[in-house]
C-alpha cells in the first residue's frame, strides 16, 4: 500500500540520512523523496512516498521517526485531502516531421517545451504522478531519450490541520 509521509525537520546535516536509514533497516523502499526549505528559516519539509504492507507498519515507522531528535513533526497525509505535485523533465526525439504532432500532445497536458535542438525537445510537465505517467506513455512511441523526475511533494489542502500540527516551531 502506498503512503505519503510529510516530515518537518531541522535543516541540519545528516537528518535525511537518518530518515532513509530508518526505512532501509526495516527493508522498506522509498519510492520518492523530496526535500525543500519551508517558510521558516532553518526548517525543511520532506515528503516521502513509501510502499508498506499494512497501516500497522506505517504507524510503527511514524512513531520511530517521531523519536528522532531533529524531526519536528511526522504526518501520514495519505488519507487527507492534499495538494500533490511532481515535476518531470523529458527529453524526447523530435524530427521536423514529428514536432507538430508532439506539440499537439503537449498542449492538453499543460506541459511546456523548455529546450529545442535539431533532434530533440525537452518537455517540462507538472502534476500528479498519474498525469505524468499518462503523458510519458503517450509520447513513448516517439522515443524518450531521458527522464528526470522530482518525486512527489504534498501537503494538506486549505486550512486542514492534523492534531499533531503546530503553528510555529521553537528552535533551541
N, C-alpha and C. Protein backbone atom coordinates (compact mmCIF):
# COMPACT_ATOMS: atom_id res chain seq x y z
N UNK A 1 0.84 -1.17 0.00
CA UNK A 1 0.00 0.00 0.00
C UNK A 1 0.89 1.24 0.00
N UNK A 2 0.54 2.20 -0.86
CA UNK A 2 1.31 3.44 -1.00
C UNK A 2 0.89 4.43 0.09
N UNK A 3 1.88 5.01 0.77
CA UNK A 3 1.63 6.00 1.81
C UNK A 3 2.48 7.24 1.52
N UNK A 4 1.92 8.41 1.82
CA UNK A 4 2.64 9.67 1.67
C UNK A 4 2.87 10.23 3.07
N UNK A 5 4.15 10.37 3.42
CA UNK A 5 4.54 10.83 4.74
C UNK A 5 5.17 12.22 4.60
N UNK A 6 4.66 13.16 5.39
CA UNK A 6 5.21 14.52 5.40
C UNK A 6 5.96 14.72 6.71
N UNK A 7 7.21 15.15 6.60
CA UNK A 7 8.03 15.39 7.78
C UNK A 7 8.50 16.83 7.78
N UNK A 8 8.44 17.45 8.94
CA UNK A 8 9.02 18.77 9.12
C UNK A 8 10.25 18.56 10.00
N UNK A 9 11.40 19.03 9.50
CA UNK A 9 12.67 18.71 10.16
C UNK A 9 13.54 19.94 10.29
N UNK A 10 14.50 19.85 11.20
CA UNK A 10 15.53 20.87 11.29
C UNK A 10 16.42 20.71 10.06
N UNK A 11 16.81 21.81 9.47
CA UNK A 11 17.65 21.76 8.28
C UNK A 11 19.11 21.62 8.72
N UNK A 12 19.47 20.38 9.07
CA UNK A 12 20.81 20.09 9.57
C UNK A 12 21.42 18.93 8.81
N UNK A 13 22.71 18.90 8.78
CA UNK A 13 23.44 17.82 8.12
C UNK A 13 23.12 16.47 8.79
N UNK A 14 22.88 15.46 7.99
CA UNK A 14 22.67 14.10 8.50
C UNK A 14 21.23 13.71 8.76
N UNK A 15 20.30 14.68 8.78
CA UNK A 15 18.89 14.38 9.09
C UNK A 15 18.31 13.45 8.02
N UNK A 16 18.51 13.78 6.77
CA UNK A 16 17.98 12.96 5.68
C UNK A 16 18.56 11.55 5.71
N UNK A 17 19.83 11.45 6.02
CA UNK A 17 20.49 10.15 6.11
C UNK A 17 19.86 9.28 7.20
N UNK A 18 19.59 9.87 8.35
CA UNK A 18 18.98 9.11 9.45
C UNK A 18 17.57 8.64 9.08
N UNK A 19 16.84 9.47 8.36
CA UNK A 19 15.49 9.11 7.95
C UNK A 19 15.53 7.95 6.96
N UNK A 20 16.37 8.06 5.95
CA UNK A 20 16.43 6.99 4.94
C UNK A 20 16.97 5.69 5.55
N UNK A 21 17.89 5.80 6.51
CA UNK A 21 18.40 4.60 7.18
C UNK A 21 17.30 3.89 7.96
N UNK A 22 16.40 4.66 8.57
CA UNK A 22 15.30 4.06 9.33
C UNK A 22 14.44 3.18 8.40
N UNK A 23 14.13 3.70 7.21
CA UNK A 23 13.35 2.91 6.24
C UNK A 23 14.16 1.72 5.73
N UNK A 24 15.43 1.95 5.45
CA UNK A 24 16.31 0.91 4.91
C UNK A 24 16.47 -0.26 5.88
N UNK A 25 16.65 0.05 7.16
CA UNK A 25 16.83 -1.00 8.17
C UNK A 25 15.61 -1.92 8.26
N UNK A 26 14.46 -1.39 7.95
CA UNK A 26 13.23 -2.18 8.00
C UNK A 26 12.86 -2.76 6.64
N UNK A 27 13.77 -2.59 5.68
CA UNK A 27 13.63 -3.14 4.33
C UNK A 27 12.42 -2.56 3.58
N UNK A 28 12.15 -1.27 3.77
CA UNK A 28 11.08 -0.58 3.04
C UNK A 28 11.71 0.35 2.03
N UNK A 29 11.24 0.26 0.81
CA UNK A 29 11.76 1.08 -0.26
C UNK A 29 11.06 2.43 -0.30
N UNK A 30 11.82 3.49 -0.41
CA UNK A 30 11.26 4.82 -0.60
C UNK A 30 11.09 5.00 -2.11
N UNK A 31 9.84 5.14 -2.55
CA UNK A 31 9.55 5.31 -3.97
C UNK A 31 9.99 6.68 -4.45
N UNK A 32 9.71 7.71 -3.67
CA UNK A 32 10.20 9.05 -3.99
C UNK A 32 10.39 9.84 -2.71
N UNK A 33 11.29 10.81 -2.80
CA UNK A 33 11.54 11.67 -1.65
C UNK A 33 11.89 13.05 -2.20
N UNK A 34 11.27 14.06 -1.61
CA UNK A 34 11.60 15.44 -2.00
C UNK A 34 11.82 16.25 -0.73
N UNK A 35 12.77 17.17 -0.82
CA UNK A 35 13.16 17.97 0.33
C UNK A 35 13.29 19.42 -0.10
N UNK A 36 12.81 20.33 0.73
CA UNK A 36 12.98 21.75 0.43
C UNK A 36 12.76 22.60 1.66
N UNK A 37 13.24 23.84 1.57
CA UNK A 37 13.06 24.79 2.67
C UNK A 37 11.58 25.13 2.84
N UNK A 38 11.20 25.48 4.04
CA UNK A 38 9.84 25.94 4.32
C UNK A 38 9.84 27.46 4.47
N UNK A 39 8.72 27.98 4.90
CA UNK A 39 8.59 29.42 5.12
C UNK A 39 9.40 29.89 6.33
N UNK A 40 9.87 28.95 7.15
CA UNK A 40 10.65 29.31 8.34
C UNK A 40 12.11 28.93 8.14
N UNK A 41 12.98 29.88 8.43
CA UNK A 41 14.41 29.65 8.29
C UNK A 41 14.86 28.50 9.19
N UNK A 42 15.69 27.63 8.65
CA UNK A 42 16.23 26.51 9.42
C UNK A 42 15.33 25.30 9.47
N UNK A 43 14.16 25.36 8.83
CA UNK A 43 13.20 24.25 8.83
C UNK A 43 12.99 23.78 7.38
N UNK A 44 12.99 22.47 7.17
CA UNK A 44 12.73 21.89 5.85
C UNK A 44 11.55 20.93 5.92
N UNK A 45 10.91 20.73 4.78
CA UNK A 45 9.84 19.75 4.67
C UNK A 45 10.34 18.63 3.77
N UNK A 46 10.11 17.40 4.21
CA UNK A 46 10.45 16.21 3.44
C UNK A 46 9.16 15.47 3.15
N UNK A 47 8.95 15.12 1.90
CA UNK A 47 7.80 14.31 1.52
C UNK A 47 8.32 12.98 1.01
N UNK A 48 7.91 11.89 1.66
CA UNK A 48 8.33 10.54 1.28
C UNK A 48 7.12 9.76 0.79
N UNK A 49 7.27 9.08 -0.32
CA UNK A 49 6.26 8.14 -0.78
C UNK A 49 6.87 6.75 -0.60
N UNK A 50 6.20 5.92 0.20
CA UNK A 50 6.70 4.59 0.51
C UNK A 50 5.61 3.55 0.29
N UNK A 51 6.05 2.32 0.05
CA UNK A 51 5.13 1.20 -0.03
C UNK A 51 5.34 0.32 1.19
N UNK A 52 4.27 0.05 1.91
CA UNK A 52 4.33 -0.80 3.10
C UNK A 52 3.22 -1.84 3.02
N UNK A 53 3.36 -2.88 3.85
CA UNK A 53 2.39 -3.98 3.82
C UNK A 53 1.07 -3.64 4.51
N UNK A 54 1.14 -2.84 5.57
CA UNK A 54 -0.07 -2.57 6.33
C UNK A 54 0.01 -1.22 7.03
N UNK A 55 -1.12 -0.76 7.53
CA UNK A 55 -1.15 0.50 8.28
C UNK A 55 -0.39 0.38 9.59
N UNK A 56 -0.35 -0.81 10.16
CA UNK A 56 0.41 -1.01 11.40
C UNK A 56 1.88 -0.69 11.20
N UNK A 57 2.40 -1.07 10.04
CA UNK A 57 3.81 -0.82 9.74
C UNK A 57 4.07 0.67 9.66
N UNK A 58 3.23 1.41 8.96
CA UNK A 58 3.45 2.84 8.81
C UNK A 58 3.29 3.55 10.15
N UNK A 59 2.40 3.05 10.98
CA UNK A 59 2.23 3.61 12.32
C UNK A 59 3.51 3.41 13.14
N UNK A 60 4.10 2.23 13.04
CA UNK A 60 5.34 1.94 13.76
C UNK A 60 6.49 2.82 13.25
N UNK A 61 6.61 2.95 11.93
CA UNK A 61 7.66 3.78 11.34
C UNK A 61 7.47 5.24 11.75
N UNK A 62 6.22 5.72 11.74
CA UNK A 62 5.92 7.09 12.14
C UNK A 62 6.35 7.34 13.58
N UNK A 63 6.06 6.40 14.47
CA UNK A 63 6.46 6.54 15.87
C UNK A 63 7.98 6.59 16.01
N UNK A 64 8.68 5.75 15.23
CA UNK A 64 10.13 5.73 15.30
C UNK A 64 10.73 7.02 14.72
N UNK A 65 10.12 7.54 13.67
CA UNK A 65 10.58 8.82 13.12
C UNK A 65 10.39 9.94 14.13
N UNK A 66 9.27 9.94 14.84
CA UNK A 66 8.99 10.97 15.84
C UNK A 66 10.01 10.99 16.98
N UNK A 67 10.71 9.88 17.19
CA UNK A 67 11.72 9.80 18.24
C UNK A 67 13.04 10.46 17.84
N UNK A 68 13.21 10.71 16.55
CA UNK A 68 14.45 11.32 16.07
C UNK A 68 14.54 12.77 16.56
N UNK A 69 15.72 13.19 16.97
CA UNK A 69 15.93 14.49 17.60
C UNK A 69 15.58 15.66 16.67
N UNK A 70 16.03 15.64 15.43
CA UNK A 70 15.86 16.78 14.54
C UNK A 70 14.56 16.75 13.73
N UNK A 71 13.68 15.80 14.04
CA UNK A 71 12.40 15.74 13.36
C UNK A 71 11.36 16.42 14.24
N UNK A 72 10.71 17.44 13.70
CA UNK A 72 9.74 18.21 14.47
C UNK A 72 8.34 17.65 14.38
N UNK A 73 7.98 17.09 13.21
CA UNK A 73 6.62 16.59 13.02
C UNK A 73 6.64 15.53 11.94
N UNK A 74 5.83 14.48 12.12
CA UNK A 74 5.66 13.42 11.13
C UNK A 74 4.17 13.20 10.97
N UNK A 75 3.68 13.28 9.72
CA UNK A 75 2.26 13.10 9.48
C UNK A 75 2.07 12.22 8.25
N UNK A 76 1.26 11.17 8.39
CA UNK A 76 0.85 10.37 7.23
C UNK A 76 -0.34 11.11 6.62
N UNK A 77 -0.14 11.73 5.46
CA UNK A 77 -1.19 12.56 4.85
C UNK A 77 -1.94 11.83 3.74
N UNK A 78 -1.71 10.55 3.60
CA UNK A 78 -2.29 9.76 2.52
C UNK A 78 -3.81 9.88 2.45
N UNK A 79 -4.47 9.80 3.58
CA UNK A 79 -5.94 9.78 3.60
C UNK A 79 -6.57 11.15 3.76
N UNK A 80 -5.76 12.20 3.75
CA UNK A 80 -6.29 13.56 3.82
C UNK A 80 -6.50 14.12 2.41
N UNK A 81 -7.27 15.18 2.31
CA UNK A 81 -7.37 15.92 1.05
C UNK A 81 -6.07 16.71 0.94
N UNK A 82 -5.28 16.42 -0.09
CA UNK A 82 -3.96 17.04 -0.20
C UNK A 82 -3.77 17.72 -1.55
N UNK A 83 -2.81 18.61 -1.58
CA UNK A 83 -2.30 19.19 -2.82
C UNK A 83 -1.01 18.42 -3.09
N UNK A 84 -0.93 17.78 -4.25
CA UNK A 84 0.19 16.90 -4.56
C UNK A 84 0.71 17.22 -5.96
N UNK A 85 2.01 17.40 -6.09
CA UNK A 85 2.61 17.70 -7.39
C UNK A 85 3.95 17.01 -7.53
N UNK A 86 4.31 16.83 -8.80
CA UNK A 86 5.61 16.30 -9.17
C UNK A 86 6.03 17.03 -10.43
N UNK A 87 7.32 17.17 -10.63
CA UNK A 87 7.87 17.79 -11.84
C UNK A 87 8.65 16.74 -12.60
N UNK A 88 8.50 16.72 -13.92
CA UNK A 88 9.29 15.83 -14.76
C UNK A 88 9.85 16.62 -15.93
N UNK A 89 11.10 16.34 -16.25
CA UNK A 89 11.73 16.83 -17.46
C UNK A 89 11.94 15.62 -18.36
N UNK A 90 11.46 15.72 -19.60
CA UNK A 90 11.51 14.58 -20.51
C UNK A 90 12.14 15.03 -21.82
N UNK A 91 13.23 14.36 -22.19
CA UNK A 91 13.86 14.62 -23.48
C UNK A 91 13.36 13.57 -24.45
N UNK A 92 12.72 14.03 -25.52
CA UNK A 92 12.10 13.13 -26.49
C UNK A 92 12.65 13.43 -27.88
N UNK A 93 12.85 12.37 -28.67
CA UNK A 93 13.30 12.55 -30.05
C UNK A 93 12.24 13.33 -30.81
N UNK A 94 12.68 14.32 -31.59
CA UNK A 94 11.73 15.15 -32.32
C UNK A 94 12.34 15.58 -33.65
N UNK A 95 11.95 14.91 -34.69
CA UNK A 95 12.38 15.31 -36.02
C UNK A 95 11.47 16.44 -36.49
N UNK A 96 11.88 17.19 -37.50
CA UNK A 96 10.99 18.24 -38.00
C UNK A 96 9.61 17.69 -38.39
N UNK A 97 9.56 16.46 -38.84
CA UNK A 97 8.29 15.87 -39.25
C UNK A 97 7.37 15.53 -38.07
N UNK A 98 7.94 15.27 -36.89
CA UNK A 98 7.12 14.87 -35.74
C UNK A 98 6.86 16.00 -34.74
N UNK A 99 7.51 17.14 -34.90
CA UNK A 99 7.38 18.23 -33.91
C UNK A 99 5.94 18.73 -33.76
N UNK A 100 5.25 18.97 -34.84
CA UNK A 100 3.87 19.46 -34.74
C UNK A 100 2.98 18.46 -34.02
N UNK A 101 3.20 17.19 -34.32
CA UNK A 101 2.44 16.14 -33.65
C UNK A 101 2.71 16.16 -32.14
N UNK A 102 3.98 16.29 -31.77
CA UNK A 102 4.34 16.35 -30.36
C UNK A 102 3.74 17.57 -29.67
N UNK A 103 3.80 18.73 -30.33
CA UNK A 103 3.21 19.94 -29.75
C UNK A 103 1.71 19.75 -29.49
N UNK A 104 1.03 19.04 -30.38
CA UNK A 104 -0.41 18.82 -30.18
C UNK A 104 -0.68 17.88 -29.00
N UNK A 105 0.28 17.04 -28.64
CA UNK A 105 0.15 16.17 -27.47
C UNK A 105 0.50 16.91 -26.18
N UNK A 106 1.42 17.84 -26.28
CA UNK A 106 1.91 18.58 -25.11
C UNK A 106 0.84 19.52 -24.57
N UNK A 107 0.13 20.22 -25.46
CA UNK A 107 -0.82 21.25 -25.04
C UNK A 107 -1.91 20.76 -24.07
N UNK A 108 -2.61 19.66 -24.36
CA UNK A 108 -3.68 19.25 -23.42
C UNK A 108 -3.18 18.91 -22.01
N UNK A 109 -1.91 18.57 -21.89
CA UNK A 109 -1.35 18.22 -20.58
C UNK A 109 -0.79 19.45 -19.85
N UNK A 110 -0.93 20.62 -20.48
CA UNK A 110 -0.39 21.87 -19.94
C UNK A 110 1.10 21.77 -19.64
N UNK A 111 1.78 21.01 -20.47
CA UNK A 111 3.24 20.89 -20.38
C UNK A 111 3.84 22.00 -21.23
N UNK A 112 5.14 22.17 -21.13
CA UNK A 112 5.79 23.19 -21.96
C UNK A 112 7.13 22.67 -22.46
N UNK A 113 7.51 23.17 -23.63
CA UNK A 113 8.81 22.85 -24.21
C UNK A 113 9.79 23.86 -23.65
N UNK A 114 10.86 23.38 -23.02
CA UNK A 114 11.83 24.30 -22.41
C UNK A 114 13.17 24.29 -23.11
N UNK A 115 13.36 23.35 -24.06
CA UNK A 115 14.60 23.32 -24.84
C UNK A 115 14.32 22.63 -26.16
N UNK A 116 14.92 23.17 -27.22
CA UNK A 116 14.75 22.61 -28.55
C UNK A 116 16.13 22.45 -29.18
N UNK A 117 16.38 21.28 -29.73
CA UNK A 117 17.60 21.06 -30.50
C UNK A 117 17.20 20.46 -31.85
N UNK A 118 18.18 20.19 -32.69
CA UNK A 118 17.88 19.64 -34.02
C UNK A 118 17.15 18.29 -33.94
N UNK A 119 17.49 17.51 -32.92
CA UNK A 119 16.96 16.15 -32.87
C UNK A 119 16.04 15.86 -31.69
N UNK A 120 15.84 16.85 -30.80
CA UNK A 120 15.03 16.55 -29.61
C UNK A 120 14.35 17.78 -29.05
N UNK A 121 13.38 17.52 -28.16
CA UNK A 121 12.71 18.54 -27.36
C UNK A 121 12.86 18.14 -25.90
N UNK A 122 12.99 19.13 -25.02
CA UNK A 122 12.90 18.86 -23.59
C UNK A 122 11.58 19.45 -23.13
N UNK A 123 10.76 18.59 -22.54
CA UNK A 123 9.42 18.96 -22.11
C UNK A 123 9.38 18.98 -20.59
N UNK A 124 8.74 20.01 -20.05
CA UNK A 124 8.53 20.12 -18.61
C UNK A 124 7.05 19.91 -18.34
N UNK A 125 6.75 19.02 -17.40
CA UNK A 125 5.36 18.76 -17.03
C UNK A 125 5.26 18.67 -15.51
N UNK A 126 4.20 19.25 -14.96
CA UNK A 126 3.96 19.14 -13.53
C UNK A 126 2.55 18.62 -13.31
N UNK A 127 2.35 17.97 -12.18
CA UNK A 127 1.03 17.46 -11.83
C UNK A 127 1.15 16.24 -10.94
N UNK A 128 0.05 15.55 -10.78
CA UNK A 128 0.07 14.31 -10.00
C UNK A 128 0.82 13.25 -10.79
N UNK A 129 1.35 12.28 -10.07
CA UNK A 129 2.16 11.23 -10.69
C UNK A 129 1.39 10.51 -11.80
N UNK A 130 0.09 10.31 -11.63
CA UNK A 130 -0.70 9.62 -12.65
C UNK A 130 -0.76 10.41 -13.95
N UNK A 131 -0.83 11.72 -13.86
CA UNK A 131 -0.83 12.58 -15.06
C UNK A 131 0.50 12.45 -15.80
N UNK A 132 1.59 12.48 -15.05
CA UNK A 132 2.91 12.38 -15.65
C UNK A 132 3.10 11.01 -16.30
N UNK A 133 2.66 9.96 -15.62
CA UNK A 133 2.74 8.61 -16.20
C UNK A 133 1.96 8.51 -17.51
N UNK A 134 0.76 9.09 -17.53
CA UNK A 134 -0.07 9.06 -18.74
C UNK A 134 0.62 9.79 -19.88
N UNK A 135 1.23 10.93 -19.59
CA UNK A 135 1.93 11.70 -20.62
C UNK A 135 3.14 10.92 -21.15
N UNK A 136 3.89 10.32 -20.26
CA UNK A 136 5.06 9.54 -20.67
C UNK A 136 4.64 8.40 -21.60
N UNK A 137 3.57 7.70 -21.25
CA UNK A 137 3.11 6.60 -22.11
C UNK A 137 2.64 7.11 -23.48
N UNK A 138 2.07 8.31 -23.50
CA UNK A 138 1.58 8.89 -24.76
C UNK A 138 2.73 9.25 -25.70
N UNK A 139 3.83 9.76 -25.15
CA UNK A 139 4.93 10.17 -26.02
C UNK A 139 6.02 9.09 -26.19
N UNK A 140 5.91 7.99 -25.47
CA UNK A 140 6.90 6.92 -25.56
C UNK A 140 7.16 6.47 -27.00
N UNK A 141 6.14 6.32 -27.85
CA UNK A 141 6.40 5.88 -29.23
C UNK A 141 7.32 6.81 -30.03
N UNK A 142 7.47 8.05 -29.62
CA UNK A 142 8.34 8.99 -30.34
C UNK A 142 9.81 8.78 -30.00
N UNK A 143 10.07 8.11 -28.89
CA UNK A 143 11.44 7.83 -28.47
C UNK A 143 11.92 8.74 -27.36
N UNK A 144 11.83 8.26 -26.15
CA UNK A 144 12.28 9.03 -24.99
C UNK A 144 13.77 8.79 -24.81
N UNK A 145 14.53 9.88 -24.74
CA UNK A 145 15.98 9.78 -24.55
C UNK A 145 16.35 9.82 -23.07
N UNK A 146 15.68 10.69 -22.30
CA UNK A 146 15.96 10.83 -20.87
C UNK A 146 14.73 11.30 -20.12
N UNK A 147 14.65 10.91 -18.86
CA UNK A 147 13.60 11.41 -17.96
C UNK A 147 14.24 11.73 -16.61
N UNK A 148 13.90 12.89 -16.06
CA UNK A 148 14.30 13.24 -14.68
C UNK A 148 13.02 13.67 -13.96
N UNK A 149 12.74 13.03 -12.82
CA UNK A 149 11.54 13.35 -12.04
C UNK A 149 11.92 13.74 -10.63
N UNK A 150 11.16 14.69 -10.08
CA UNK A 150 11.47 15.18 -8.73
C UNK A 150 10.94 14.30 -7.63
N UNK A 151 9.89 13.56 -7.89
CA UNK A 151 9.20 12.85 -6.82
C UNK A 151 8.08 13.72 -6.29
N UNK A 152 7.20 13.12 -5.55
CA UNK A 152 6.01 13.81 -5.04
C UNK A 152 6.37 14.79 -3.93
N UNK A 153 5.74 15.94 -3.97
CA UNK A 153 5.75 16.86 -2.84
C UNK A 153 4.29 17.21 -2.55
N UNK A 154 3.92 17.27 -1.29
CA UNK A 154 2.50 17.42 -0.95
C UNK A 154 2.32 18.00 0.44
N UNK A 155 1.13 18.58 0.65
CA UNK A 155 0.68 18.93 2.00
C UNK A 155 -0.84 19.05 1.99
N UNK A 156 -1.47 19.07 3.18
CA UNK A 156 -2.94 19.11 3.25
C UNK A 156 -3.51 20.37 2.60
N UNK A 157 -4.69 20.21 2.01
CA UNK A 157 -5.38 21.33 1.37
C UNK A 157 -5.92 22.31 2.40
N UNK A 158 -6.12 23.54 1.96
CA UNK A 158 -6.84 24.55 2.73
C UNK A 158 -6.36 24.72 4.14
N UNK A 159 -7.31 24.83 5.07
CA UNK A 159 -6.97 25.10 6.47
C UNK A 159 -6.97 23.84 7.32
N UNK A 160 -6.86 22.66 6.69
CA UNK A 160 -6.82 21.42 7.47
C UNK A 160 -5.60 21.43 8.38
N UNK A 161 -5.79 20.90 9.54
CA UNK A 161 -4.67 20.73 10.47
C UNK A 161 -4.74 19.35 11.06
N UNK A 162 -3.60 18.73 11.15
CA UNK A 162 -3.51 17.46 11.83
C UNK A 162 -3.40 17.75 13.32
N UNK A 163 -3.90 16.87 14.14
CA UNK A 163 -3.89 17.12 15.58
C UNK A 163 -2.49 17.32 16.13
N UNK A 164 -1.49 16.77 15.46
CA UNK A 164 -0.12 16.94 15.96
C UNK A 164 0.57 18.15 15.33
N UNK A 165 -0.14 18.87 14.45
CA UNK A 165 0.48 20.01 13.79
C UNK A 165 0.57 21.20 14.73
N UNK A 166 1.69 21.87 14.69
CA UNK A 166 1.91 23.06 15.50
C UNK A 166 1.91 24.27 14.58
N UNK A 167 1.52 25.42 15.09
CA UNK A 167 1.50 26.64 14.28
C UNK A 167 2.89 27.24 14.13
N UNK A 168 3.80 26.99 15.06
CA UNK A 168 5.15 27.52 14.95
C UNK A 168 6.11 26.55 15.60
N UNK A 169 7.39 26.75 15.32
CA UNK A 169 8.42 25.90 15.86
C UNK A 169 9.38 26.77 16.65
N UNK A 170 9.77 26.27 17.78
CA UNK A 170 10.79 27.00 18.52
C UNK A 170 12.11 26.28 18.34
N UNK A 171 13.08 27.00 17.88
CA UNK A 171 14.40 26.42 17.62
C UNK A 171 15.28 26.73 18.82
N UNK A 172 15.74 25.68 19.45
CA UNK A 172 16.54 25.84 20.65
C UNK A 172 18.01 25.60 20.33
